[in-house]
């Protein structure tokens, strides 16, 4: 017969260090396997690129990590870039500008592929389910911003880790 031990938290004999956490409680990840694009200048949801987690304690922190493959395509416009962000509800936690300002007079299709790798330590103060959503936009309507999934090593992922306070 197998034994099983389940606990909500393990605290070291000397207590939790001041300013330190007790460790990782849970982790969730979405691997984005399709692609989506926009020419919108307002932040829009990347379809299907979100992850939900339900914290076990309202004092927990959530480490949010985004790794995404982003393409900025200017068509014949110049001086454009893309923006990629992670939102919790209406709150923007991460905003990463990608691409480049293209010089010249235009008339040439310009594409810039970038890898976005960024993180943020969130303090949601809840035990209700939280959804973290990736959003994107273009600097102007002449720029197309695309996020793609794909095979390793070009996967786009959104990972959330609950860390005890």
N, C-alpha and C. Protein backbone atom coordinates (compact mmCIF):
# COMPACT_ATOMS: atom_id res chain seq x y z
N UNK A 1 0.84 -1.17 0.00
CA UNK A 1 0.00 0.00 0.00
C UNK A 1 0.90 1.24 0.00
N UNK A 2 0.64 2.16 -0.90
CA UNK A 2 1.43 3.38 -1.03
C UNK A 2 0.90 4.46 -0.11
N UNK A 3 1.81 5.27 0.40
CA UNK A 3 1.44 6.40 1.26
C UNK A 3 1.50 7.69 0.45
N UNK A 4 0.73 8.66 0.90
CA UNK A 4 0.71 9.93 0.22
C UNK A 4 0.61 11.04 1.26
N UNK A 5 1.45 12.05 1.12
CA UNK A 5 1.45 13.19 2.04
C UNK A 5 1.10 14.44 1.24
N UNK A 6 0.07 15.15 1.64
CA UNK A 6 -0.33 16.39 0.98
C UNK A 6 -0.38 17.51 2.00
N UNK A 7 0.24 18.63 1.65
CA UNK A 7 0.25 19.79 2.53
C UNK A 7 0.02 21.04 1.71
N UNK A 8 -0.47 22.10 2.36
CA UNK A 8 -0.64 23.38 1.69
C UNK A 8 0.66 24.15 1.60
N UNK A 9 1.52 23.96 2.62
CA UNK A 9 2.75 24.73 2.66
C UNK A 9 3.74 24.03 3.59
N UNK A 10 5.00 24.11 3.23
CA UNK A 10 6.06 23.62 4.10
C UNK A 10 6.92 24.82 4.46
N UNK A 11 7.06 25.07 5.75
CA UNK A 11 7.85 26.20 6.21
C UNK A 11 9.11 25.64 6.86
N UNK A 12 10.29 26.17 6.47
CA UNK A 12 11.53 25.69 7.07
C UNK A 12 11.51 25.85 8.58
N UNK A 13 12.30 25.02 9.29
CA UNK A 13 12.36 25.01 10.75
C UNK A 13 12.67 26.40 11.31
N UNK A 14 13.49 27.17 10.61
CA UNK A 14 13.85 28.52 11.07
C UNK A 14 12.92 29.58 10.52
N UNK A 15 11.83 29.19 9.90
CA UNK A 15 10.88 30.14 9.34
C UNK A 15 11.26 30.55 7.93
N UNK A 16 10.34 31.27 7.29
CA UNK A 16 10.58 31.77 5.94
C UNK A 16 11.49 32.98 6.04
N UNK A 17 12.55 33.06 5.22
CA UNK A 17 13.46 34.19 5.31
C UNK A 17 12.74 35.51 5.03
N UNK A 18 13.15 36.57 5.69
CA UNK A 18 12.56 37.89 5.50
C UNK A 18 12.70 38.29 4.03
N UNK A 19 11.59 38.67 3.44
CA UNK A 19 11.59 39.09 2.04
C UNK A 19 11.67 37.94 1.06
N UNK A 20 11.74 36.72 1.56
CA UNK A 20 11.85 35.57 0.69
C UNK A 20 10.58 34.76 0.66
N UNK A 21 10.44 33.98 -0.36
CA UNK A 21 9.27 33.12 -0.47
C UNK A 21 9.60 31.70 -0.10
N UNK A 22 8.57 30.89 -0.02
CA UNK A 22 8.75 29.52 0.40
C UNK A 22 8.99 28.55 -0.74
N UNK A 23 8.70 28.94 -1.98
CA UNK A 23 8.96 28.05 -3.09
C UNK A 23 7.86 28.04 -4.13
N UNK A 24 8.02 27.18 -5.10
CA UNK A 24 7.07 27.06 -6.20
C UNK A 24 5.90 26.18 -5.76
N UNK A 25 4.68 26.67 -6.00
CA UNK A 25 3.48 25.93 -5.63
C UNK A 25 2.91 25.20 -6.85
N UNK A 26 2.78 25.90 -7.96
CA UNK A 26 2.26 25.26 -9.19
C UNK A 26 2.73 26.05 -10.40
N UNK A 27 2.66 25.39 -11.56
CA UNK A 27 3.08 26.01 -12.81
C UNK A 27 2.11 25.61 -13.92
N UNK A 28 1.77 26.57 -14.79
CA UNK A 28 0.92 26.31 -15.95
C UNK A 28 1.59 26.92 -17.16
N UNK A 29 1.39 26.28 -18.33
CA UNK A 29 2.01 26.79 -19.54
C UNK A 29 1.11 26.56 -20.74
N UNK A 30 1.10 27.53 -21.64
CA UNK A 30 0.43 27.39 -22.93
C UNK A 30 1.52 27.44 -24.00
N UNK A 31 1.53 26.44 -24.86
CA UNK A 31 2.42 26.44 -26.02
C UNK A 31 1.57 26.88 -27.21
N UNK A 32 1.92 28.01 -27.80
CA UNK A 32 1.15 28.57 -28.90
C UNK A 32 1.60 27.89 -30.19
N UNK A 33 0.69 27.16 -30.82
CA UNK A 33 1.08 26.34 -31.97
C UNK A 33 0.55 26.86 -33.30
N UNK A 34 -0.21 27.95 -33.30
CA UNK A 34 -0.72 28.51 -34.55
C UNK A 34 -0.09 29.87 -34.78
N UNK A 35 -0.76 30.74 -35.50
CA UNK A 35 -0.26 32.10 -35.68
C UNK A 35 -1.44 33.06 -35.79
N UNK A 36 -1.18 34.31 -35.53
CA UNK A 36 -2.19 35.36 -35.59
C UNK A 36 -1.49 36.64 -36.00
N UNK A 37 -2.21 37.52 -36.67
CA UNK A 37 -1.61 38.79 -37.10
C UNK A 37 -2.63 39.91 -36.98
N UNK A 38 -2.10 41.14 -36.92
CA UNK A 38 -2.96 42.32 -36.82
C UNK A 38 -2.28 43.52 -37.46
N UNK A 39 -3.10 44.46 -37.91
CA UNK A 39 -2.62 45.77 -38.33
C UNK A 39 -3.19 46.85 -37.42
N UNK A 40 -3.88 46.43 -36.36
CA UNK A 40 -4.51 47.37 -35.43
C UNK A 40 -3.46 48.15 -34.65
N UNK A 41 -3.77 49.41 -34.37
CA UNK A 41 -2.89 50.23 -33.54
C UNK A 41 -3.29 50.16 -32.08
N UNK A 42 -4.36 49.43 -31.76
CA UNK A 42 -4.78 49.18 -30.38
C UNK A 42 -4.46 47.75 -30.02
N UNK A 43 -4.12 47.52 -28.75
CA UNK A 43 -3.78 46.17 -28.32
C UNK A 43 -4.98 45.24 -28.50
N UNK A 44 -4.76 44.10 -29.19
CA UNK A 44 -5.78 43.09 -29.43
C UNK A 44 -5.30 41.76 -28.90
N UNK A 45 -6.25 40.88 -28.52
CA UNK A 45 -5.91 39.54 -28.07
C UNK A 45 -5.23 38.76 -29.19
N UNK A 46 -4.19 38.02 -28.86
CA UNK A 46 -3.64 37.02 -29.77
C UNK A 46 -4.51 35.79 -29.55
N UNK A 47 -5.26 35.40 -30.55
CA UNK A 47 -6.25 34.33 -30.42
C UNK A 47 -5.61 33.05 -29.89
N UNK A 48 -6.14 32.56 -28.78
CA UNK A 48 -5.68 31.29 -28.22
C UNK A 48 -4.37 31.34 -27.46
N UNK A 49 -3.85 32.54 -27.19
CA UNK A 49 -2.56 32.64 -26.51
C UNK A 49 -2.76 33.23 -25.11
N UNK A 50 -3.27 32.37 -24.22
CA UNK A 50 -3.51 32.78 -22.83
C UNK A 50 -3.32 31.56 -21.93
N UNK A 51 -3.21 31.82 -20.64
CA UNK A 51 -3.10 30.74 -19.67
C UNK A 51 -3.81 31.18 -18.39
N UNK A 52 -4.48 30.23 -17.74
CA UNK A 52 -5.20 30.51 -16.50
C UNK A 52 -4.58 29.75 -15.34
N UNK A 53 -4.64 30.36 -14.16
CA UNK A 53 -4.12 29.74 -12.95
C UNK A 53 -4.99 30.19 -11.78
N UNK A 54 -5.19 29.31 -10.82
CA UNK A 54 -5.94 29.66 -9.61
C UNK A 54 -4.97 29.59 -8.43
N UNK A 55 -4.56 30.76 -7.91
CA UNK A 55 -3.62 30.77 -6.78
C UNK A 55 -4.20 30.08 -5.55
N UNK A 56 -3.35 29.41 -4.80
CA UNK A 56 -3.80 28.73 -3.59
C UNK A 56 -3.87 29.67 -2.39
N UNK A 57 -3.22 30.84 -2.49
CA UNK A 57 -3.22 31.81 -1.40
C UNK A 57 -3.24 33.22 -1.99
N UNK A 58 -3.93 34.12 -1.32
CA UNK A 58 -3.98 35.51 -1.81
C UNK A 58 -2.65 36.23 -1.61
N UNK A 59 -1.75 35.65 -0.83
CA UNK A 59 -0.43 36.26 -0.64
C UNK A 59 0.60 35.77 -1.67
N UNK A 60 0.21 34.80 -2.50
CA UNK A 60 1.13 34.27 -3.51
C UNK A 60 1.45 35.30 -4.58
N UNK A 61 2.62 35.16 -5.16
CA UNK A 61 3.04 35.94 -6.33
C UNK A 61 2.93 35.02 -7.54
N UNK A 62 2.72 35.61 -8.71
CA UNK A 62 2.68 34.84 -9.95
C UNK A 62 3.79 35.35 -10.86
N UNK A 63 4.74 34.48 -11.18
CA UNK A 63 5.80 34.82 -12.11
C UNK A 63 5.28 34.53 -13.52
N UNK A 64 5.20 35.57 -14.34
CA UNK A 64 4.68 35.47 -15.70
C UNK A 64 5.86 35.55 -16.65
N UNK A 65 6.01 34.54 -17.52
CA UNK A 65 7.13 34.51 -18.46
C UNK A 65 6.60 34.32 -19.89
N UNK A 66 6.97 35.23 -20.77
CA UNK A 66 6.55 35.19 -22.17
C UNK A 66 7.76 34.97 -23.05
N UNK A 67 7.63 34.00 -23.94
CA UNK A 67 8.61 33.77 -24.98
C UNK A 67 7.84 33.69 -26.29
N UNK A 68 8.07 34.63 -27.20
CA UNK A 68 7.26 34.67 -28.42
C UNK A 68 8.11 35.01 -29.63
N UNK A 69 7.71 34.45 -30.76
CA UNK A 69 8.34 34.76 -32.05
C UNK A 69 7.44 35.77 -32.75
N UNK A 70 7.97 36.98 -32.97
CA UNK A 70 7.19 38.09 -33.49
C UNK A 70 7.78 38.57 -34.81
N UNK A 71 6.90 38.81 -35.78
CA UNK A 71 7.32 39.35 -37.07
C UNK A 71 6.67 40.71 -37.27
N UNK A 72 7.48 41.71 -37.59
CA UNK A 72 6.98 43.03 -37.97
C UNK A 72 7.23 43.20 -39.45
N UNK A 73 6.17 43.41 -40.20
CA UNK A 73 6.28 43.58 -41.64
C UNK A 73 5.74 44.95 -42.01
N UNK A 74 6.55 45.75 -42.69
CA UNK A 74 6.15 47.13 -42.95
C UNK A 74 5.49 47.34 -44.29
N UNK A 75 5.47 46.34 -45.16
CA UNK A 75 4.96 46.61 -46.50
C UNK A 75 5.78 47.72 -47.11
N UNK A 76 5.13 48.75 -47.64
CA UNK A 76 5.88 49.86 -48.23
C UNK A 76 6.03 51.03 -47.27
N UNK A 77 5.51 50.89 -46.04
CA UNK A 77 5.68 51.96 -45.06
C UNK A 77 7.01 51.84 -44.34
N UNK A 78 7.46 52.93 -43.79
CA UNK A 78 8.69 52.92 -43.01
C UNK A 78 8.38 53.41 -41.60
N UNK A 79 9.36 53.31 -40.74
CA UNK A 79 9.24 53.78 -39.36
C UNK A 79 8.08 53.13 -38.62
N UNK A 80 8.07 51.81 -38.58
CA UNK A 80 7.04 51.07 -37.88
C UNK A 80 7.67 50.09 -36.91
N UNK A 81 6.90 49.71 -35.91
CA UNK A 81 7.33 48.67 -34.98
C UNK A 81 6.09 48.01 -34.41
N UNK A 82 6.30 46.92 -33.71
CA UNK A 82 5.21 46.15 -33.12
C UNK A 82 5.32 46.20 -31.60
N UNK A 83 4.20 45.94 -30.95
CA UNK A 83 4.16 45.89 -29.49
C UNK A 83 3.50 44.59 -29.07
N UNK A 84 4.10 43.92 -28.09
CA UNK A 84 3.54 42.68 -27.54
C UNK A 84 3.42 42.87 -26.04
N UNK A 85 2.28 42.48 -25.48
CA UNK A 85 2.07 42.64 -24.05
C UNK A 85 1.37 41.46 -23.43
N UNK A 86 1.43 41.40 -22.11
CA UNK A 86 0.68 40.41 -21.35
C UNK A 86 -0.22 41.18 -20.39
N UNK A 87 -1.49 40.80 -20.36
CA UNK A 87 -2.50 41.47 -19.55
C UNK A 87 -3.11 40.49 -18.57
N UNK A 88 -3.45 41.00 -17.38
CA UNK A 88 -4.30 40.30 -16.42
C UNK A 88 -5.56 41.14 -16.36
N UNK A 89 -6.64 40.64 -16.97
CA UNK A 89 -7.85 41.45 -17.10
C UNK A 89 -7.52 42.70 -17.90
N UNK A 90 -7.86 43.86 -17.38
CA UNK A 90 -7.56 45.11 -18.06
C UNK A 90 -6.22 45.71 -17.69
N UNK A 91 -5.44 45.00 -16.88
CA UNK A 91 -4.15 45.52 -16.41
C UNK A 91 -3.02 44.99 -17.27
N UNK A 92 -2.28 45.90 -17.90
CA UNK A 92 -1.12 45.50 -18.69
C UNK A 92 0.07 45.32 -17.77
N UNK A 93 0.65 44.12 -17.79
CA UNK A 93 1.78 43.78 -16.94
C UNK A 93 3.11 43.89 -17.68
N UNK A 94 3.09 43.53 -18.95
CA UNK A 94 4.30 43.53 -19.77
C UNK A 94 3.99 44.27 -21.06
N UNK A 95 4.92 45.12 -21.50
CA UNK A 95 4.83 45.74 -22.81
C UNK A 95 6.22 45.73 -23.42
N UNK A 96 6.36 45.05 -24.53
CA UNK A 96 7.65 44.90 -25.18
C UNK A 96 7.53 45.39 -26.61
N UNK A 97 8.31 46.42 -26.97
CA UNK A 97 8.34 46.87 -28.36
C UNK A 97 9.33 46.01 -29.12
N UNK A 98 8.94 45.61 -30.32
CA UNK A 98 9.82 44.78 -31.14
C UNK A 98 9.82 45.32 -32.56
N UNK A 99 10.74 44.82 -33.35
CA UNK A 99 10.90 45.31 -34.71
C UNK A 99 11.90 46.43 -34.70
N UNK A 100 11.85 47.23 -35.72
CA UNK A 100 12.80 48.32 -35.82
C UNK A 100 12.16 49.46 -36.58
N UNK A 101 12.71 50.63 -36.37
CA UNK A 101 12.30 51.74 -37.21
C UNK A 101 13.06 51.61 -38.51
N UNK A 102 12.32 51.48 -39.59
CA UNK A 102 12.94 51.31 -40.90
C UNK A 102 13.20 52.68 -41.51
N UNK A 103 14.36 52.89 -42.04
CA UNK A 103 14.69 54.16 -42.69
C UNK A 103 14.42 54.08 -44.18
N UNK A 104 14.63 55.14 -44.87
CA UNK A 104 14.46 55.14 -46.32
C UNK A 104 13.14 55.72 -46.75
N UNK A 105 12.86 55.56 -48.03
CA UNK A 105 11.67 56.18 -48.60
C UNK A 105 10.53 55.21 -48.80
N UNK A 106 10.70 53.98 -48.43
CA UNK A 106 9.62 53.00 -48.57
C UNK A 106 9.66 52.33 -49.92
N UNK A 107 8.56 51.67 -50.24
CA UNK A 107 8.46 50.97 -51.51
C UNK A 107 9.03 49.56 -51.46
N UNK A 108 9.65 49.18 -50.38
CA UNK A 108 10.24 47.87 -50.24
C UNK A 108 9.59 47.15 -49.07
N UNK A 109 9.27 45.87 -49.28
CA UNK A 109 8.74 45.09 -48.16
C UNK A 109 9.87 44.79 -47.18
N UNK A 110 9.65 45.16 -45.95
CA UNK A 110 10.66 44.93 -44.91
C UNK A 110 10.06 44.06 -43.83
N UNK A 111 10.76 43.01 -43.45
CA UNK A 111 10.33 42.10 -42.40
C UNK A 111 11.41 41.99 -41.35
N UNK A 112 11.00 42.05 -40.09
CA UNK A 112 11.93 41.87 -38.99
C UNK A 112 11.36 40.80 -38.08
N UNK A 113 12.12 39.72 -37.88
CA UNK A 113 11.72 38.66 -36.95
C UNK A 113 12.46 38.87 -35.64
N UNK A 114 11.73 38.79 -34.56
CA UNK A 114 12.31 39.00 -33.24
C UNK A 114 11.84 37.91 -32.29
N UNK A 115 12.67 37.64 -31.31
CA UNK A 115 12.27 36.77 -30.21
C UNK A 115 12.04 37.66 -29.00
N UNK A 116 10.86 37.55 -28.41
CA UNK A 116 10.54 38.28 -27.20
C UNK A 116 10.67 37.30 -26.04
N UNK A 117 11.51 37.62 -25.08
CA UNK A 117 11.68 36.82 -23.87
C UNK A 117 11.69 37.79 -22.70
N UNK A 118 10.61 37.77 -21.94
CA UNK A 118 10.47 38.74 -20.85
C UNK A 118 9.66 38.12 -19.71
N UNK A 119 9.74 38.74 -18.55
CA UNK A 119 9.01 38.20 -17.39
C UNK A 119 8.56 39.34 -16.48
N UNK A 120 7.62 39.00 -15.59
CA UNK A 120 7.08 39.97 -14.63
C UNK A 120 6.58 39.20 -13.41
N UNK A 121 6.86 39.73 -12.22
CA UNK A 121 6.37 39.10 -10.98
C UNK A 121 5.11 39.85 -10.55
N UNK A 122 3.97 39.19 -10.69
CA UNK A 122 2.67 39.79 -10.42
C UNK A 122 2.22 39.49 -9.00
N UNK A 123 1.46 40.41 -8.41
CA UNK A 123 0.87 40.24 -7.08
C UNK A 123 -0.65 40.39 -7.20
N UNK A 124 -1.36 39.36 -7.65
CA UNK A 124 -2.79 39.51 -7.92
C UNK A 124 -3.67 39.56 -6.67
N UNK A 125 -3.20 39.11 -5.53
CA UNK A 125 -3.93 39.16 -4.25
C UNK A 125 -5.33 38.55 -4.35
N UNK A 126 -5.40 37.34 -4.86
CA UNK A 126 -6.68 36.65 -5.01
C UNK A 126 -6.48 35.15 -4.97
N UNK A 127 -7.56 34.43 -4.69
CA UNK A 127 -7.56 32.97 -4.83
C UNK A 127 -8.55 32.56 -5.91
N UNK A 128 -9.02 33.53 -6.68
CA UNK A 128 -9.90 33.25 -7.83
C UNK A 128 -9.05 32.98 -9.06
N UNK A 129 -9.64 32.30 -10.03
CA UNK A 129 -8.94 32.00 -11.28
C UNK A 129 -8.53 33.30 -11.98
N UNK A 130 -7.29 33.32 -12.47
CA UNK A 130 -6.74 34.47 -13.18
C UNK A 130 -6.36 34.01 -14.58
N UNK A 131 -6.67 34.83 -15.59
CA UNK A 131 -6.24 34.55 -16.95
C UNK A 131 -5.24 35.61 -17.38
N UNK A 132 -4.10 35.15 -17.87
CA UNK A 132 -3.08 36.03 -18.44
C UNK A 132 -3.18 35.89 -19.96
N UNK A 133 -3.38 37.02 -20.64
CA UNK A 133 -3.64 37.05 -22.08
C UNK A 133 -2.53 37.81 -22.80
N UNK A 134 -2.00 37.22 -23.88
CA UNK A 134 -1.02 37.91 -24.72
C UNK A 134 -1.80 38.77 -25.72
N UNK A 135 -1.35 40.02 -25.87
CA UNK A 135 -1.96 40.95 -26.83
C UNK A 135 -0.86 41.58 -27.67
N UNK A 136 -1.26 42.12 -28.82
CA UNK A 136 -0.29 42.76 -29.69
C UNK A 136 -0.92 43.89 -30.48
N UNK A 137 -0.06 44.74 -31.03
CA UNK A 137 -0.51 45.86 -31.87
C UNK A 137 0.63 46.28 -32.79
N UNK A 138 0.29 47.16 -33.72
CA UNK A 138 1.27 47.74 -34.63
C UNK A 138 1.35 49.24 -34.37
N UNK A 139 2.49 49.81 -34.66
CA UNK A 139 2.68 51.25 -34.50
C UNK A 139 1.73 52.04 -35.39
N UNK A 140 1.54 51.55 -36.62
CA UNK A 140 0.59 52.18 -37.54
C UNK A 140 -0.03 51.12 -38.41
N UNK A 141 -1.12 51.47 -39.08
CA UNK A 141 -1.88 50.46 -39.84
C UNK A 141 -1.12 49.94 -41.06
N UNK A 142 0.03 50.52 -41.38
CA UNK A 142 0.84 50.02 -42.48
C UNK A 142 1.76 48.89 -42.07
N UNK A 143 1.78 48.58 -40.80
CA UNK A 143 2.63 47.51 -40.29
C UNK A 143 1.76 46.32 -39.89
N UNK A 144 2.19 45.14 -40.27
CA UNK A 144 1.51 43.93 -39.84
C UNK A 144 2.35 43.26 -38.76
N UNK A 145 1.74 43.00 -37.64
CA UNK A 145 2.40 42.30 -36.54
C UNK A 145 1.87 40.88 -36.49
N UNK A 146 2.78 39.91 -36.47
CA UNK A 146 2.40 38.50 -36.42
C UNK A 146 3.12 37.81 -35.27
N UNK A 147 2.42 36.91 -34.61
CA UNK A 147 3.03 36.03 -33.61
C UNK A 147 2.79 34.62 -34.09
N UNK A 148 3.86 33.83 -34.10
CA UNK A 148 3.72 32.47 -34.60
C UNK A 148 4.19 31.45 -33.58
N UNK A 149 3.60 30.29 -33.70
CA UNK A 149 4.02 29.15 -32.89
C UNK A 149 5.02 28.36 -33.70
N UNK A 150 4.90 27.08 -33.68
CA UNK A 150 5.80 26.26 -34.47
C UNK A 150 6.50 25.23 -33.63
N UNK A 151 7.48 24.61 -34.25
CA UNK A 151 8.24 23.55 -33.61
C UNK A 151 9.40 24.13 -32.81
N UNK A 152 9.86 23.33 -31.87
CA UNK A 152 11.02 23.69 -31.09
C UNK A 152 12.20 23.91 -32.03
N UNK A 153 13.00 24.91 -31.94
CA UNK A 153 13.12 25.86 -30.85
C UNK A 153 12.34 27.16 -31.09
N UNK A 154 11.46 27.21 -32.08
CA UNK A 154 10.75 28.45 -32.40
C UNK A 154 9.37 28.54 -31.78
N UNK A 155 9.14 27.82 -30.71
CA UNK A 155 7.83 27.85 -30.06
C UNK A 155 7.60 29.17 -29.35
N UNK A 156 6.35 29.57 -29.30
CA UNK A 156 5.95 30.70 -28.47
C UNK A 156 5.23 30.12 -27.26
N UNK A 157 5.61 30.59 -26.07
CA UNK A 157 5.04 30.03 -24.84
C UNK A 157 4.69 31.15 -23.87
N UNK A 158 3.67 30.89 -23.06
CA UNK A 158 3.32 31.75 -21.94
C UNK A 158 3.26 30.84 -20.71
N UNK A 159 4.11 31.13 -19.73
CA UNK A 159 4.25 30.30 -18.55
C UNK A 159 3.96 31.13 -17.30
N UNK A 160 3.16 30.58 -16.40
CA UNK A 160 2.89 31.24 -15.11
C UNK A 160 3.25 30.28 -13.99
N UNK A 161 3.92 30.82 -12.96
CA UNK A 161 4.36 30.02 -11.84
C UNK A 161 3.89 30.69 -10.56
N UNK A 162 3.14 29.94 -9.73
CA UNK A 162 2.73 30.48 -8.44
C UNK A 162 3.88 30.27 -7.46
N UNK A 163 4.29 31.37 -6.82
CA UNK A 163 5.38 31.35 -5.86
C UNK A 163 4.83 31.76 -4.51
N UNK A 164 5.10 30.99 -3.47
CA UNK A 164 4.59 31.34 -2.14
C UNK A 164 5.30 32.58 -1.61
N UNK A 165 4.53 33.38 -0.87
CA UNK A 165 5.08 34.64 -0.34
C UNK A 165 5.89 34.40 0.91
